[in-house]
Protein backbone atom coordinates (compact mmCIF):
# COMPACT_ATOMS: atom_id res chain seq x y z
CA UNK A 1 0.00 0.00 0.00
CA UNK A 2 1.48 3.38 -0.96
CA UNK A 3 2.28 5.75 1.90
CA UNK A 4 2.96 9.47 1.63
CA UNK A 5 5.17 11.07 4.27
CA UNK A 6 5.15 14.86 4.32
CA UNK A 7 7.82 17.11 5.74
CA UNK A 8 8.48 20.79 5.45
CA UNK A 9 11.71 22.16 4.05
CA UNK A 10 12.01 24.14 7.31
CA UNK A 11 11.57 21.02 9.46
CA UNK A 12 14.43 20.46 11.93
CA UNK A 13 16.94 17.78 10.95
CA UNK A 14 15.94 15.50 13.83
CA UNK A 15 12.40 15.24 12.51
CA UNK A 16 13.67 14.72 8.97
CA UNK A 17 15.79 11.81 10.18
CA UNK A 18 12.67 10.26 11.71
CA UNK A 19 10.88 10.60 8.39
CA UNK A 20 13.74 8.81 6.63
CA UNK A 21 13.67 5.97 9.18
CA UNK A 22 9.93 5.46 8.68
CA UNK A 23 10.33 5.64 4.90
CA UNK A 24 13.08 3.03 5.13
CA UNK A 25 10.88 0.45 6.82
CA UNK A 26 7.76 0.94 4.72
CA UNK A 27 7.83 -0.86 1.40
CA UNK A 28 6.04 1.74 -0.73
CA UNK A 29 6.71 5.00 1.10
CA UNK A 30 7.28 8.33 -0.62
CA UNK A 31 8.63 11.44 1.06
CA UNK A 32 7.32 14.78 -0.18
CA UNK A 33 8.93 18.04 0.91
CA UNK A 34 6.70 21.06 1.25
CA UNK A 35 8.81 24.08 0.29
CA UNK A 36 8.98 26.81 2.91
CA UNK A 37 6.94 24.83 5.44
CA UNK A 38 7.64 23.71 8.99
CA UNK A 39 6.21 20.75 10.93
CA UNK A 40 3.08 22.84 11.56
CA UNK A 41 2.15 23.10 7.87
CA UNK A 42 -1.12 21.30 8.53
CA UNK A 43 -2.16 24.25 10.72
CA UNK A 44 -0.37 27.15 9.02
CA UNK A 45 -0.71 26.08 5.38
CA UNK A 46 -3.60 23.60 5.20
CA UNK A 47 -4.18 24.21 1.47
CA UNK A 48 -0.58 23.28 0.66
CA UNK A 49 -0.96 20.04 2.63
CA UNK A 50 -4.41 19.29 1.19
CA UNK A 51 -3.25 19.86 -2.38
CA UNK A 52 -0.33 17.46 -1.91
CA UNK A 53 -2.57 14.85 -0.27
CA UNK A 54 -5.21 15.12 -2.98
CA UNK A 55 -2.55 14.72 -5.67
CA UNK A 56 -1.34 11.56 -3.94
CA UNK A 57 -4.82 10.11 -3.39
CA UNK A 58 -6.13 10.96 -6.86
CA UNK A 59 -3.17 11.12 -9.25
CA UNK A 60 -3.67 12.34 -12.82
CA UNK A 61 -4.42 9.58 -15.28
C-alpha atoms as a PDB file:
ATOM      1  CA  UNK A   1       0.000   0.000   0.000  1.00  0.00           C
ATOM      2  CA  UNK A   2       1.478   3.383  -0.964  1.00  0.00           C
ATOM      3  CA  UNK A   3       2.277   5.748   1.896  1.00  0.00           C
ATOM      4  CA  UNK A   4       2.957   9.468   1.632  1.00  0.00           C
ATOM      5  CA  UNK A   5       5.168  11.073   4.269  1.00  0.00           C
ATOM      6  CA  UNK A   6       5.146  14.864   4.320  1.00  0.00           C
ATOM      7  CA  UNK A   7       7.818  17.112   5.735  1.00  0.00           C
ATOM      8  CA  UNK A   8       8.481  20.795   5.445  1.00  0.00           C
ATOM      9  CA  UNK A   9      11.709  22.162   4.050  1.00  0.00           C
ATOM     10  CA  UNK A  10      12.007  24.136   7.307  1.00  0.00           C
ATOM     11  CA  UNK A  11      11.573  21.018   9.456  1.00  0.00           C
ATOM     12  CA  UNK A  12      14.429  20.462  11.934  1.00  0.00           C
ATOM     13  CA  UNK A  13      16.938  17.785  10.949  1.00  0.00           C
ATOM     14  CA  UNK A  14      15.942  15.502  13.832  1.00  0.00           C
ATOM     15  CA  UNK A  15      12.401  15.239  12.509  1.00  0.00           C
ATOM     16  CA  UNK A  16      13.674  14.717   8.968  1.00  0.00           C
ATOM     17  CA  UNK A  17      15.794  11.809  10.184  1.00  0.00           C
ATOM     18  CA  UNK A  18      12.673  10.260  11.709  1.00  0.00           C
ATOM     19  CA  UNK A  19      10.879  10.596   8.391  1.00  0.00           C
ATOM     20  CA  UNK A  20      13.738   8.809   6.635  1.00  0.00           C
ATOM     21  CA  UNK A  21      13.673   5.974   9.182  1.00  0.00           C
ATOM     22  CA  UNK A  22       9.931   5.458   8.682  1.00  0.00           C
ATOM     23  CA  UNK A  23      10.330   5.636   4.896  1.00  0.00           C
ATOM     24  CA  UNK A  24      13.081   3.031   5.134  1.00  0.00           C
ATOM     25  CA  UNK A  25      10.883   0.447   6.820  1.00  0.00           C
ATOM     26  CA  UNK A  26       7.764   0.941   4.720  1.00  0.00           C
ATOM     27  CA  UNK A  27       7.830  -0.859   1.404  1.00  0.00           C
ATOM     28  CA  UNK A  28       6.045   1.737  -0.726  1.00  0.00           C
ATOM     29  CA  UNK A  29       6.712   5.004   1.099  1.00  0.00           C
ATOM     30  CA  UNK A  30       7.277   8.332  -0.619  1.00  0.00           C
ATOM     31  CA  UNK A  31       8.629  11.436   1.058  1.00  0.00           C
ATOM     32  CA  UNK A  32       7.321  14.776  -0.180  1.00  0.00           C
ATOM     33  CA  UNK A  33       8.933  18.035   0.910  1.00  0.00           C
ATOM     34  CA  UNK A  34       6.698  21.063   1.248  1.00  0.00           C
ATOM     35  CA  UNK A  35       8.805  24.084   0.290  1.00  0.00           C
ATOM     36  CA  UNK A  36       8.976  26.808   2.908  1.00  0.00           C
ATOM     37  CA  UNK A  37       6.939  24.834   5.444  1.00  0.00           C
ATOM     38  CA  UNK A  38       7.639  23.708   8.988  1.00  0.00           C
ATOM     39  CA  UNK A  39       6.208  20.754  10.934  1.00  0.00           C
ATOM     40  CA  UNK A  40       3.082  22.838  11.558  1.00  0.00           C
ATOM     41  CA  UNK A  41       2.151  23.104   7.868  1.00  0.00           C
ATOM     42  CA  UNK A  42      -1.121  21.301   8.531  1.00  0.00           C
ATOM     43  CA  UNK A  43      -2.159  24.245  10.725  1.00  0.00           C
ATOM     44  CA  UNK A  44      -0.374  27.153   9.023  1.00  0.00           C
ATOM     45  CA  UNK A  45      -0.714  26.079   5.380  1.00  0.00           C
ATOM     46  CA  UNK A  46      -3.597  23.604   5.197  1.00  0.00           C
ATOM     47  CA  UNK A  47      -4.180  24.205   1.471  1.00  0.00           C
ATOM     48  CA  UNK A  48      -0.584  23.277   0.659  1.00  0.00           C
ATOM     49  CA  UNK A  49      -0.964  20.044   2.632  1.00  0.00           C
ATOM     50  CA  UNK A  50      -4.409  19.292   1.195  1.00  0.00           C
ATOM     51  CA  UNK A  51      -3.252  19.857  -2.379  1.00  0.00           C
ATOM     52  CA  UNK A  52      -0.327  17.463  -1.912  1.00  0.00           C
ATOM     53  CA  UNK A  53      -2.572  14.852  -0.272  1.00  0.00           C
ATOM     54  CA  UNK A  54      -5.206  15.119  -2.984  1.00  0.00           C
ATOM     55  CA  UNK A  55      -2.545  14.721  -5.665  1.00  0.00           C
ATOM     56  CA  UNK A  56      -1.340  11.563  -3.940  1.00  0.00           C
ATOM     57  CA  UNK A  57      -4.822  10.114  -3.389  1.00  0.00           C
ATOM     58  CA  UNK A  58      -6.129  10.958  -6.858  1.00  0.00           C
ATOM     59  CA  UNK A  59      -3.167  11.119  -9.252  1.00  0.00           C
ATOM     60  CA  UNK A  60      -3.667  12.342 -12.819  1.00  0.00           C
ATOM     61  CA  UNK A  61      -4.420   9.582 -15.279  1.00  0.00           C
END
